[in-house]
Protein backbone atom coordinates (compact mmCIF):
# COMPACT_ATOMS: atom_id res chain seq x y z
CA MET A 1 0.00 0.00 0.00
CA GLY A 2 1.28 3.46 -0.89
CA ILE A 3 1.22 6.79 0.85
CA SER A 4 -2.25 8.28 1.17
CA TRP A 5 -3.01 11.84 0.08
CA LYS A 6 -4.75 12.16 3.46
CA ASP A 7 -1.25 12.13 5.01
CA MET A 8 -0.18 15.21 3.00
CA ALA A 9 -1.31 18.82 3.08
CA VAL A 10 -0.17 21.85 1.09
CA THR A 11 -0.31 25.14 2.98
CA ASN A 12 1.09 28.58 2.22
CA LEU A 13 3.57 30.61 4.22
CA ARG A 14 2.76 34.29 4.80
CA SER A 15 4.84 35.05 1.70
CA GLY A 16 2.52 32.83 -0.37
CA GLN A 17 5.17 30.13 -0.83
CA PRO A 18 3.54 26.70 -0.76
CA THR A 19 4.81 24.12 1.74
CA MET A 20 3.91 20.48 2.15
CA GLY A 21 3.30 18.96 5.56
CA LEU A 22 3.36 15.23 6.14
CA THR A 23 1.66 13.21 8.87
CA GLY A 24 1.13 9.55 9.63
CA TRP A 25 2.80 6.97 7.43
CA ALA A 26 4.04 9.59 4.93
CA ALA A 27 6.02 11.33 7.70
CA GLU A 28 7.35 8.00 8.99
CA ARG A 29 8.45 6.94 5.50
CA LEU A 30 10.22 10.26 4.87
CA ALA A 31 12.04 9.92 8.20
CA GLU A 32 13.25 6.45 7.15
CA MET A 33 14.47 7.70 3.75
CA THR A 34 16.28 10.89 4.79
CA PRO A 35 19.20 11.72 7.07
CA LYS A 36 18.36 12.72 10.64
CA VAL A 37 18.01 16.42 9.84
CA THR A 38 15.02 18.64 9.18
CA ALA A 39 13.81 18.03 5.63
CA ARG A 40 12.83 21.10 3.58
CA TRP A 41 11.43 21.03 0.09
CA SER A 42 10.78 23.81 -2.39
CA MET A 43 7.98 23.17 -4.82
CA SER A 44 6.17 24.90 -7.61
CA LEU A 45 2.57 24.22 -8.55
């Protein structure tokens, strides 16, 4: 089973820049795949 869209949310910073927040299994999977630092992504829609 894959990651559910219910575990992801796009919100905007005050500047209008979109950010993606992860919860549940999506957050756990990201933590397993990345080094033990804060992950930051830039994205364009």
